[in-house]
N, C-alpha and C. Protein backbone atom coordinates (compact mmCIF):
# COMPACT_ATOMS: atom_id res chain seq x y z
N UNK A 1 -55.24 18.05 -15.05
CA UNK A 1 -56.16 18.31 -13.94
C UNK A 1 -55.39 18.99 -12.82
N UNK A 2 -55.88 20.16 -12.40
CA UNK A 2 -55.26 20.88 -11.28
C UNK A 2 -56.11 20.63 -10.03
N UNK A 3 -55.43 20.38 -8.93
CA UNK A 3 -56.13 20.11 -7.68
C UNK A 3 -56.13 21.32 -6.77
N UNK A 4 -55.31 22.31 -7.10
CA UNK A 4 -55.24 23.54 -6.31
C UNK A 4 -55.28 24.70 -7.31
N UNK A 5 -55.71 25.85 -6.89
CA UNK A 5 -55.81 27.00 -7.78
C UNK A 5 -54.61 27.93 -7.54
N UNK A 6 -53.61 27.86 -8.42
CA UNK A 6 -52.41 28.67 -8.22
C UNK A 6 -52.70 30.17 -8.11
N UNK A 7 -53.60 30.71 -8.94
CA UNK A 7 -53.88 32.14 -8.89
C UNK A 7 -54.39 32.56 -7.52
N UNK A 8 -55.35 31.81 -6.99
CA UNK A 8 -55.91 32.12 -5.67
C UNK A 8 -54.86 31.95 -4.58
N UNK A 9 -54.10 30.88 -4.65
CA UNK A 9 -53.11 30.61 -3.61
C UNK A 9 -51.97 31.62 -3.62
N UNK A 10 -51.53 32.03 -4.79
CA UNK A 10 -50.44 33.01 -4.90
C UNK A 10 -50.86 34.38 -4.34
N UNK A 11 -52.14 34.68 -4.42
CA UNK A 11 -52.63 35.96 -3.86
C UNK A 11 -52.31 36.08 -2.37
N UNK A 12 -52.21 34.94 -1.69
CA UNK A 12 -51.94 34.94 -0.25
C UNK A 12 -50.54 35.48 0.09
N UNK A 13 -49.67 35.60 -0.91
CA UNK A 13 -48.32 36.11 -0.69
C UNK A 13 -48.25 37.64 -0.72
N UNK A 14 -49.29 38.29 -1.23
CA UNK A 14 -49.27 39.75 -1.32
C UNK A 14 -48.20 40.25 -2.28
N UNK A 15 -48.04 39.57 -3.41
CA UNK A 15 -47.03 39.98 -4.39
C UNK A 15 -47.40 41.32 -5.01
N UNK A 16 -46.37 42.09 -5.35
CA UNK A 16 -46.55 43.42 -5.95
C UNK A 16 -45.64 43.57 -7.16
N UNK A 17 -45.94 44.57 -7.97
CA UNK A 17 -45.12 44.86 -9.15
C UNK A 17 -43.65 44.97 -8.76
N UNK A 18 -42.79 44.39 -9.59
CA UNK A 18 -41.36 44.55 -9.42
C UNK A 18 -40.69 43.55 -8.49
N UNK A 19 -41.45 42.68 -7.86
CA UNK A 19 -40.85 41.72 -6.94
C UNK A 19 -40.08 40.63 -7.68
N UNK A 20 -39.16 40.00 -6.94
CA UNK A 20 -38.43 38.83 -7.43
C UNK A 20 -38.96 37.62 -6.67
N UNK A 21 -39.37 36.60 -7.43
CA UNK A 21 -39.98 35.41 -6.86
C UNK A 21 -39.27 34.18 -7.40
N UNK A 22 -38.97 33.23 -6.52
CA UNK A 22 -38.41 31.95 -6.94
C UNK A 22 -39.48 30.88 -6.75
N UNK A 23 -39.74 30.12 -7.80
CA UNK A 23 -40.61 28.95 -7.72
C UNK A 23 -39.67 27.76 -7.79
N UNK A 24 -39.38 27.20 -6.62
CA UNK A 24 -38.40 26.12 -6.51
C UNK A 24 -39.08 24.77 -6.68
N UNK A 25 -38.59 23.99 -7.64
CA UNK A 25 -39.27 22.75 -8.01
C UNK A 25 -40.51 23.12 -8.81
N UNK A 26 -40.31 23.93 -9.85
CA UNK A 26 -41.39 24.57 -10.59
C UNK A 26 -42.38 23.60 -11.22
N UNK A 27 -41.93 22.40 -11.55
CA UNK A 27 -42.85 21.43 -12.13
C UNK A 27 -43.50 21.94 -13.40
N UNK A 28 -44.82 21.89 -13.45
CA UNK A 28 -45.56 22.29 -14.65
C UNK A 28 -45.61 23.80 -14.85
N UNK A 29 -45.28 24.57 -13.83
CA UNK A 29 -45.19 26.02 -13.97
C UNK A 29 -46.44 26.81 -13.64
N UNK A 30 -47.49 26.17 -13.16
CA UNK A 30 -48.73 26.90 -12.87
C UNK A 30 -48.52 28.02 -11.85
N UNK A 31 -47.73 27.76 -10.81
CA UNK A 31 -47.48 28.79 -9.80
C UNK A 31 -46.56 29.88 -10.32
N UNK A 32 -45.56 29.52 -11.12
CA UNK A 32 -44.65 30.51 -11.70
C UNK A 32 -45.43 31.47 -12.59
N UNK A 33 -46.34 30.95 -13.38
CA UNK A 33 -47.14 31.79 -14.29
C UNK A 33 -48.07 32.69 -13.49
N UNK A 34 -48.71 32.15 -12.45
CA UNK A 34 -49.58 32.98 -11.60
C UNK A 34 -48.76 34.09 -10.94
N UNK A 35 -47.57 33.77 -10.44
CA UNK A 35 -46.72 34.78 -9.81
C UNK A 35 -46.26 35.82 -10.83
N UNK A 36 -45.93 35.38 -12.04
CA UNK A 36 -45.47 36.31 -13.08
C UNK A 36 -46.54 37.34 -13.42
N UNK A 37 -47.78 36.91 -13.45
CA UNK A 37 -48.89 37.86 -13.69
C UNK A 37 -48.99 38.85 -12.52
N UNK A 38 -48.80 38.37 -11.30
CA UNK A 38 -48.96 39.21 -10.11
C UNK A 38 -47.87 40.26 -9.96
N UNK A 39 -46.67 39.98 -10.43
CA UNK A 39 -45.55 40.91 -10.22
C UNK A 39 -45.29 41.84 -11.40
N UNK A 40 -46.02 41.67 -12.47
CA UNK A 40 -45.91 42.56 -13.61
C UNK A 40 -44.60 42.44 -14.38
N UNK A 41 -44.51 43.23 -15.43
CA UNK A 41 -43.35 43.18 -16.32
C UNK A 41 -42.05 43.59 -15.64
N UNK A 42 -42.14 44.40 -14.61
CA UNK A 42 -40.92 44.85 -13.93
C UNK A 42 -40.40 43.84 -12.90
N UNK A 43 -41.20 42.80 -12.63
CA UNK A 43 -40.78 41.75 -11.70
C UNK A 43 -40.11 40.61 -12.44
N UNK A 44 -39.65 39.64 -11.67
CA UNK A 44 -38.95 38.49 -12.25
C UNK A 44 -39.29 37.24 -11.46
N UNK A 45 -39.66 36.17 -12.18
CA UNK A 45 -39.87 34.86 -11.56
C UNK A 45 -38.74 33.95 -12.03
N UNK A 46 -38.09 33.33 -11.08
CA UNK A 46 -37.05 32.35 -11.37
C UNK A 46 -37.66 30.97 -11.15
N UNK A 47 -37.86 30.25 -12.25
CA UNK A 47 -38.48 28.93 -12.23
C UNK A 47 -37.36 27.89 -12.20
N UNK A 48 -37.16 27.28 -11.04
CA UNK A 48 -36.03 26.38 -10.83
C UNK A 48 -36.51 24.94 -10.76
N UNK A 49 -35.84 24.08 -11.52
CA UNK A 49 -36.14 22.66 -11.44
C UNK A 49 -34.92 21.88 -11.89
N UNK A 50 -34.86 20.62 -11.47
CA UNK A 50 -33.76 19.73 -11.83
C UNK A 50 -34.06 18.98 -13.14
N UNK A 51 -35.32 19.03 -13.57
CA UNK A 51 -35.72 18.32 -14.78
C UNK A 51 -35.81 19.28 -15.96
N UNK A 52 -34.91 19.10 -16.93
CA UNK A 52 -34.85 19.98 -18.11
C UNK A 52 -36.17 20.01 -18.89
N UNK A 53 -36.84 18.85 -19.00
CA UNK A 53 -38.08 18.82 -19.79
C UNK A 53 -39.17 19.67 -19.14
N UNK A 54 -39.17 19.76 -17.82
CA UNK A 54 -40.14 20.62 -17.14
C UNK A 54 -39.83 22.09 -17.39
N UNK A 55 -38.55 22.43 -17.39
CA UNK A 55 -38.15 23.82 -17.68
C UNK A 55 -38.55 24.20 -19.10
N UNK A 56 -38.39 23.29 -20.06
CA UNK A 56 -38.82 23.55 -21.44
C UNK A 56 -40.32 23.77 -21.50
N UNK A 57 -41.07 22.96 -20.74
CA UNK A 57 -42.53 23.12 -20.69
C UNK A 57 -42.91 24.50 -20.12
N UNK A 58 -42.22 24.93 -19.08
CA UNK A 58 -42.50 26.24 -18.47
C UNK A 58 -42.20 27.36 -19.47
N UNK A 59 -41.08 27.26 -20.17
CA UNK A 59 -40.75 28.28 -21.20
C UNK A 59 -41.84 28.35 -22.26
N UNK A 60 -42.31 27.19 -22.72
CA UNK A 60 -43.37 27.15 -23.74
C UNK A 60 -44.68 27.75 -23.20
N UNK A 61 -45.03 27.37 -21.97
CA UNK A 61 -46.27 27.88 -21.37
C UNK A 61 -46.21 29.39 -21.19
N UNK A 62 -45.07 29.91 -20.76
CA UNK A 62 -44.91 31.36 -20.58
C UNK A 62 -45.00 32.07 -21.92
N UNK A 63 -44.40 31.50 -22.94
CA UNK A 63 -44.43 32.08 -24.28
C UNK A 63 -45.87 32.13 -24.82
N UNK A 64 -46.63 31.09 -24.57
CA UNK A 64 -48.01 31.03 -25.06
C UNK A 64 -48.88 32.14 -24.48
N UNK A 65 -48.59 32.55 -23.26
CA UNK A 65 -49.38 33.63 -22.65
C UNK A 65 -48.61 34.95 -22.65
N UNK A 66 -47.56 35.00 -23.45
CA UNK A 66 -46.76 36.21 -23.69
C UNK A 66 -46.14 36.81 -22.42
N UNK A 67 -45.67 35.92 -21.55
CA UNK A 67 -44.97 36.39 -20.36
C UNK A 67 -43.47 36.38 -20.64
N UNK A 68 -42.83 37.51 -20.35
CA UNK A 68 -41.39 37.62 -20.57
C UNK A 68 -40.62 37.80 -19.27
N UNK A 69 -41.31 37.64 -18.15
CA UNK A 69 -40.66 37.88 -16.86
C UNK A 69 -40.39 36.58 -16.09
N UNK A 70 -40.35 35.46 -16.81
CA UNK A 70 -40.02 34.17 -16.19
C UNK A 70 -38.68 33.71 -16.75
N UNK A 71 -37.76 33.43 -15.86
CA UNK A 71 -36.45 32.89 -16.25
C UNK A 71 -36.34 31.48 -15.70
N UNK A 72 -36.09 30.51 -16.57
CA UNK A 72 -35.93 29.14 -16.10
C UNK A 72 -34.48 28.89 -15.72
N UNK A 73 -34.31 28.15 -14.64
CA UNK A 73 -32.98 27.87 -14.10
C UNK A 73 -32.89 26.38 -13.77
N UNK A 74 -31.91 25.69 -14.38
CA UNK A 74 -31.68 24.30 -13.99
C UNK A 74 -30.95 24.35 -12.67
N UNK A 75 -31.54 23.71 -11.66
CA UNK A 75 -30.91 23.74 -10.35
C UNK A 75 -31.47 22.68 -9.43
N UNK A 76 -30.70 22.41 -8.39
CA UNK A 76 -31.04 21.38 -7.41
C UNK A 76 -31.29 22.06 -6.06
N UNK A 77 -32.54 22.04 -5.61
CA UNK A 77 -32.89 22.73 -4.37
C UNK A 77 -32.40 22.00 -3.14
N UNK A 78 -31.87 20.79 -3.30
CA UNK A 78 -31.38 20.03 -2.15
C UNK A 78 -29.89 20.23 -1.91
N UNK A 79 -29.27 21.17 -2.60
CA UNK A 79 -27.85 21.44 -2.43
C UNK A 79 -27.63 22.91 -2.11
N UNK A 80 -26.70 23.19 -1.22
CA UNK A 80 -26.32 24.57 -0.90
C UNK A 80 -25.86 25.26 -2.18
N UNK A 81 -26.52 26.34 -2.55
CA UNK A 81 -26.19 27.06 -3.78
C UNK A 81 -26.70 26.38 -5.03
N UNK A 82 -27.42 25.29 -4.88
CA UNK A 82 -27.88 24.51 -6.03
C UNK A 82 -28.88 25.20 -6.92
N UNK A 83 -29.55 26.24 -6.42
CA UNK A 83 -30.52 26.95 -7.24
C UNK A 83 -29.85 28.00 -8.13
N UNK A 84 -28.59 28.30 -7.84
CA UNK A 84 -27.80 29.30 -8.55
C UNK A 84 -28.33 30.73 -8.33
N UNK A 85 -29.23 30.90 -7.38
CA UNK A 85 -29.76 32.23 -7.06
C UNK A 85 -28.87 32.87 -6.01
N UNK A 86 -28.80 34.20 -6.05
CA UNK A 86 -27.96 34.92 -5.09
C UNK A 86 -28.57 34.88 -3.70
N UNK A 87 -27.71 34.90 -2.68
CA UNK A 87 -28.22 34.93 -1.30
C UNK A 87 -29.09 36.17 -1.05
N UNK A 88 -30.13 36.00 -0.25
CA UNK A 88 -31.00 37.11 0.17
C UNK A 88 -31.59 37.90 -0.99
N UNK A 89 -31.82 37.26 -2.14
CA UNK A 89 -32.22 37.99 -3.35
C UNK A 89 -33.70 37.90 -3.70
N UNK A 90 -34.44 37.00 -3.08
CA UNK A 90 -35.83 36.78 -3.47
C UNK A 90 -36.80 37.41 -2.47
N UNK A 91 -37.76 38.16 -3.00
CA UNK A 91 -38.81 38.75 -2.15
C UNK A 91 -39.80 37.68 -1.68
N UNK A 92 -39.94 36.63 -2.50
CA UNK A 92 -40.86 35.54 -2.16
C UNK A 92 -40.35 34.24 -2.79
N UNK A 93 -40.69 33.15 -2.13
CA UNK A 93 -40.35 31.81 -2.62
C UNK A 93 -41.61 30.96 -2.56
N UNK A 94 -41.78 30.15 -3.60
CA UNK A 94 -42.91 29.22 -3.68
C UNK A 94 -42.37 27.80 -3.74
N UNK A 95 -42.93 26.93 -2.89
CA UNK A 95 -42.64 25.49 -2.93
C UNK A 95 -43.99 24.79 -3.06
N UNK A 96 -44.36 24.41 -4.26
CA UNK A 96 -45.65 23.77 -4.48
C UNK A 96 -45.44 22.32 -4.89
N UNK A 97 -46.02 21.41 -4.12
CA UNK A 97 -45.91 19.97 -4.37
C UNK A 97 -44.45 19.53 -4.49
N UNK A 98 -43.63 20.04 -3.58
CA UNK A 98 -42.20 19.75 -3.60
C UNK A 98 -41.77 18.96 -2.37
N UNK A 99 -42.25 19.34 -1.20
CA UNK A 99 -41.76 18.72 0.04
C UNK A 99 -41.88 17.20 0.03
N UNK A 100 -42.97 16.68 -0.51
CA UNK A 100 -43.14 15.23 -0.48
C UNK A 100 -42.14 14.53 -1.41
N UNK A 101 -41.54 15.27 -2.34
CA UNK A 101 -40.62 14.67 -3.31
C UNK A 101 -39.15 14.74 -2.89
N UNK A 102 -38.78 15.77 -2.13
CA UNK A 102 -37.36 15.92 -1.82
C UNK A 102 -36.93 14.94 -0.73
N UNK A 103 -35.75 14.39 -0.93
CA UNK A 103 -35.22 13.43 0.03
C UNK A 103 -34.53 14.15 1.19
N UNK A 104 -33.81 15.21 0.88
CA UNK A 104 -33.05 15.96 1.90
C UNK A 104 -33.82 17.23 2.25
N UNK A 105 -34.86 17.07 3.05
CA UNK A 105 -35.76 18.17 3.35
C UNK A 105 -35.07 19.34 4.05
N UNK A 106 -34.21 19.05 5.03
CA UNK A 106 -33.52 20.12 5.74
C UNK A 106 -32.59 20.89 4.81
N UNK A 107 -31.99 20.20 3.83
CA UNK A 107 -31.13 20.87 2.86
C UNK A 107 -31.96 21.80 1.97
N UNK A 108 -33.15 21.37 1.59
CA UNK A 108 -34.03 22.22 0.78
C UNK A 108 -34.45 23.45 1.59
N UNK A 109 -34.77 23.26 2.86
CA UNK A 109 -35.13 24.39 3.73
C UNK A 109 -33.95 25.37 3.82
N UNK A 110 -32.75 24.84 3.96
CA UNK A 110 -31.56 25.70 4.05
C UNK A 110 -31.36 26.50 2.76
N UNK A 111 -31.65 25.89 1.62
CA UNK A 111 -31.50 26.62 0.35
C UNK A 111 -32.56 27.71 0.22
N UNK A 112 -33.78 27.43 0.66
CA UNK A 112 -34.81 28.47 0.69
C UNK A 112 -34.34 29.63 1.58
N UNK A 113 -33.85 29.30 2.75
CA UNK A 113 -33.40 30.33 3.70
C UNK A 113 -32.24 31.14 3.12
N UNK A 114 -31.38 30.50 2.34
CA UNK A 114 -30.24 31.19 1.75
C UNK A 114 -30.68 32.22 0.70
N UNK A 115 -31.68 31.89 -0.11
CA UNK A 115 -32.03 32.77 -1.24
C UNK A 115 -33.08 33.82 -0.89
N UNK A 116 -33.88 33.59 0.14
CA UNK A 116 -34.97 34.53 0.47
C UNK A 116 -34.42 35.75 1.21
N UNK A 117 -34.93 36.90 0.86
CA UNK A 117 -34.52 38.14 1.52
C UNK A 117 -35.06 38.16 2.95
N UNK A 118 -34.37 38.88 3.84
CA UNK A 118 -34.90 39.03 5.19
C UNK A 118 -36.35 39.52 5.15
N UNK A 119 -37.20 38.85 5.90
CA UNK A 119 -38.63 39.15 5.98
C UNK A 119 -39.38 38.89 4.69
N UNK A 120 -38.76 38.16 3.75
CA UNK A 120 -39.45 37.75 2.53
C UNK A 120 -40.54 36.74 2.85
N UNK A 121 -41.44 36.52 1.91
CA UNK A 121 -42.57 35.60 2.12
C UNK A 121 -42.30 34.26 1.45
N UNK A 122 -42.81 33.21 2.07
CA UNK A 122 -42.67 31.86 1.58
C UNK A 122 -44.04 31.19 1.56
N UNK A 123 -44.37 30.58 0.42
CA UNK A 123 -45.62 29.84 0.29
C UNK A 123 -45.31 28.36 0.09
N UNK A 124 -45.81 27.54 0.99
CA UNK A 124 -45.72 26.09 0.88
C UNK A 124 -47.10 25.57 0.52
N UNK A 125 -47.19 24.80 -0.54
CA UNK A 125 -48.42 24.10 -0.89
C UNK A 125 -48.03 22.64 -1.08
N UNK A 126 -48.72 21.75 -0.38
CA UNK A 126 -48.40 20.34 -0.55
C UNK A 126 -49.63 19.48 -0.30
N UNK A 127 -49.48 18.22 -0.65
CA UNK A 127 -50.57 17.26 -0.53
C UNK A 127 -50.96 17.02 0.92
N UNK A 128 -52.25 17.04 1.19
CA UNK A 128 -52.76 16.79 2.54
C UNK A 128 -52.92 15.30 2.82
N UNK A 129 -52.82 14.46 1.80
CA UNK A 129 -52.96 13.02 1.97
C UNK A 129 -52.67 12.31 0.66
N UNK A 130 -52.86 11.00 0.65
CA UNK A 130 -52.61 10.21 -0.56
C UNK A 130 -53.87 10.08 -1.41
N UNK A 131 -55.02 10.17 -0.81
CA UNK A 131 -56.30 10.20 -1.50
C UNK A 131 -56.48 9.04 -2.48
N UNK A 132 -56.22 7.84 -2.00
CA UNK A 132 -56.47 6.65 -2.79
C UNK A 132 -55.69 6.58 -4.09
N UNK A 133 -54.49 7.11 -4.08
CA UNK A 133 -53.64 7.03 -5.27
C UNK A 133 -53.64 8.28 -6.12
N UNK A 134 -54.47 9.26 -5.81
CA UNK A 134 -54.46 10.52 -6.57
C UNK A 134 -53.18 11.30 -6.24
N UNK A 135 -52.82 11.32 -4.98
CA UNK A 135 -51.62 12.04 -4.54
C UNK A 135 -50.44 11.10 -4.40
N UNK A 136 -49.44 11.53 -3.66
CA UNK A 136 -48.25 10.69 -3.46
C UNK A 136 -48.60 9.45 -2.61
N UNK A 137 -47.70 8.50 -2.61
CA UNK A 137 -47.88 7.33 -1.76
C UNK A 137 -47.96 7.80 -0.30
N UNK A 138 -48.76 7.12 0.50
CA UNK A 138 -48.97 7.57 1.89
C UNK A 138 -47.68 7.83 2.66
N UNK A 139 -46.67 7.00 2.47
CA UNK A 139 -45.42 7.18 3.21
C UNK A 139 -44.62 8.40 2.75
N UNK A 140 -45.00 9.00 1.64
CA UNK A 140 -44.30 10.19 1.14
C UNK A 140 -45.00 11.50 1.51
N UNK A 141 -46.24 11.42 1.95
CA UNK A 141 -46.99 12.62 2.33
C UNK A 141 -46.31 13.30 3.51
N UNK A 142 -46.14 14.61 3.42
CA UNK A 142 -45.59 15.40 4.52
C UNK A 142 -46.77 16.12 5.19
N UNK A 143 -47.14 15.69 6.38
CA UNK A 143 -48.27 16.34 7.05
C UNK A 143 -48.00 17.84 7.28
N UNK A 144 -49.06 18.61 7.30
CA UNK A 144 -48.93 20.06 7.47
C UNK A 144 -48.11 20.41 8.71
N UNK A 145 -48.34 19.71 9.79
CA UNK A 145 -47.60 19.99 11.03
C UNK A 145 -46.09 19.79 10.83
N UNK A 146 -45.70 18.75 10.11
CA UNK A 146 -44.28 18.49 9.85
C UNK A 146 -43.70 19.59 8.94
N UNK A 147 -44.45 20.01 7.94
CA UNK A 147 -43.99 21.09 7.06
C UNK A 147 -43.77 22.37 7.88
N UNK A 148 -44.72 22.65 8.76
CA UNK A 148 -44.59 23.83 9.61
C UNK A 148 -43.34 23.74 10.48
N UNK A 149 -43.11 22.58 11.08
CA UNK A 149 -41.92 22.39 11.93
C UNK A 149 -40.62 22.57 11.16
N UNK A 150 -40.56 22.05 9.95
CA UNK A 150 -39.34 22.17 9.14
C UNK A 150 -38.91 23.63 9.00
N UNK A 151 -39.89 24.50 8.77
CA UNK A 151 -39.56 25.91 8.53
C UNK A 151 -39.47 26.73 9.81
N UNK A 152 -40.32 26.47 10.80
CA UNK A 152 -40.20 27.23 12.05
C UNK A 152 -38.90 26.86 12.77
N UNK A 153 -38.47 25.60 12.66
CA UNK A 153 -37.19 25.20 13.25
C UNK A 153 -36.02 25.94 12.60
N UNK A 154 -36.21 26.38 11.35
CA UNK A 154 -35.16 27.12 10.64
C UNK A 154 -35.29 28.64 10.84
N UNK A 155 -36.23 29.06 11.70
CA UNK A 155 -36.35 30.48 12.01
C UNK A 155 -37.45 31.22 11.28
N UNK A 156 -38.18 30.54 10.39
CA UNK A 156 -39.28 31.19 9.69
C UNK A 156 -40.45 31.38 10.65
N UNK A 157 -41.23 32.43 10.44
CA UNK A 157 -42.40 32.72 11.26
C UNK A 157 -43.66 32.41 10.46
N UNK A 158 -44.52 31.59 11.03
CA UNK A 158 -45.77 31.26 10.34
C UNK A 158 -46.68 32.48 10.36
N UNK A 159 -47.17 32.85 9.18
CA UNK A 159 -48.10 33.97 9.04
C UNK A 159 -49.52 33.44 9.07
N UNK A 160 -49.78 32.39 8.28
CA UNK A 160 -51.12 31.80 8.23
C UNK A 160 -51.06 30.48 7.49
N UNK A 161 -52.11 29.70 7.68
CA UNK A 161 -52.29 28.50 6.88
C UNK A 161 -53.70 28.57 6.32
N UNK A 162 -53.90 27.88 5.20
CA UNK A 162 -55.22 27.88 4.59
C UNK A 162 -55.38 26.63 3.74
N UNK A 163 -56.63 26.34 3.39
CA UNK A 163 -56.95 25.21 2.54
C UNK A 163 -56.62 25.63 1.11
N UNK A 164 -55.72 24.90 0.46
CA UNK A 164 -55.26 25.27 -0.88
C UNK A 164 -55.97 24.49 -1.98
N UNK A 165 -57.04 23.85 -1.66
CA UNK A 165 -57.78 23.05 -2.63
C UNK A 165 -58.27 21.78 -1.95
N UNK A 166 -58.97 20.96 -2.69
CA UNK A 166 -59.59 19.76 -2.12
C UNK A 166 -58.57 18.78 -1.54
N UNK A 167 -57.34 18.80 -2.05
CA UNK A 167 -56.35 17.81 -1.64
C UNK A 167 -55.06 18.42 -1.09
N UNK A 168 -55.03 19.72 -0.90
CA UNK A 168 -53.79 20.40 -0.52
C UNK A 168 -53.98 21.34 0.67
N UNK A 169 -52.89 21.50 1.43
CA UNK A 169 -52.82 22.53 2.45
C UNK A 169 -51.81 23.57 1.99
N UNK A 170 -51.85 24.73 2.59
CA UNK A 170 -50.88 25.78 2.29
C UNK A 170 -50.51 26.50 3.58
N UNK A 171 -49.26 26.94 3.63
CA UNK A 171 -48.76 27.72 4.76
C UNK A 171 -47.96 28.88 4.18
N UNK A 172 -48.19 30.06 4.74
CA UNK A 172 -47.39 31.23 4.39
C UNK A 172 -46.50 31.54 5.58
N UNK A 173 -45.22 31.73 5.31
CA UNK A 173 -44.23 32.08 6.32
C UNK A 173 -43.59 33.40 5.97
N UNK A 174 -42.99 34.03 6.97
CA UNK A 174 -42.12 35.19 6.77
C UNK A 174 -40.71 34.76 7.17
N UNK A 175 -39.76 35.10 6.33
CA UNK A 175 -38.37 34.77 6.63
C UNK A 175 -37.89 35.59 7.82
N UNK A 176 -36.89 35.08 8.53
CA UNK A 176 -36.35 35.84 9.66
C UNK A 176 -35.78 37.19 9.21
N UNK A 177 -35.80 38.16 10.10
CA UNK A 177 -35.19 39.47 9.82
C UNK A 177 -33.67 39.29 9.73
N UNK A 178 -33.03 40.26 9.14
CA UNK A 178 -31.56 40.17 8.95
C UNK A 178 -30.83 40.09 10.27
């Protein structure tokens, strides 16, 4: 069961053919697959996660829909250089249902800032509440305002926010200029 529509939400990033996109904390891969369709064969999606079984699932899902532009990367977004991506190399970064799970939020923000190109786009999608046990435990929910502060405090500029589904919010940011 999906609570947010990755295809619709990814459109908010304005992805184009040939772009490089990192889906950090890729999970089930719905956003990576949506991004891979949007950037075409000449683009590349780097699907990063710390859980090997999720990366295997993403590889299988991409293969089923004949996508060859997704590369899975075992990595830790809470460590400097943990994603193994080059600095300033990504045109866009996606963090979907990740903020509520990471313990070292500022470290994850720093890793996003390290890999995103100057003026690159960032999409945050996360749970708007606990919803009686459907979402994360109430104490783990990261309110939209807190998510916005995490990234604006790091120099990102908020472009827009929107409703990402019945249980999710989304924010699009632009990375600082060089």
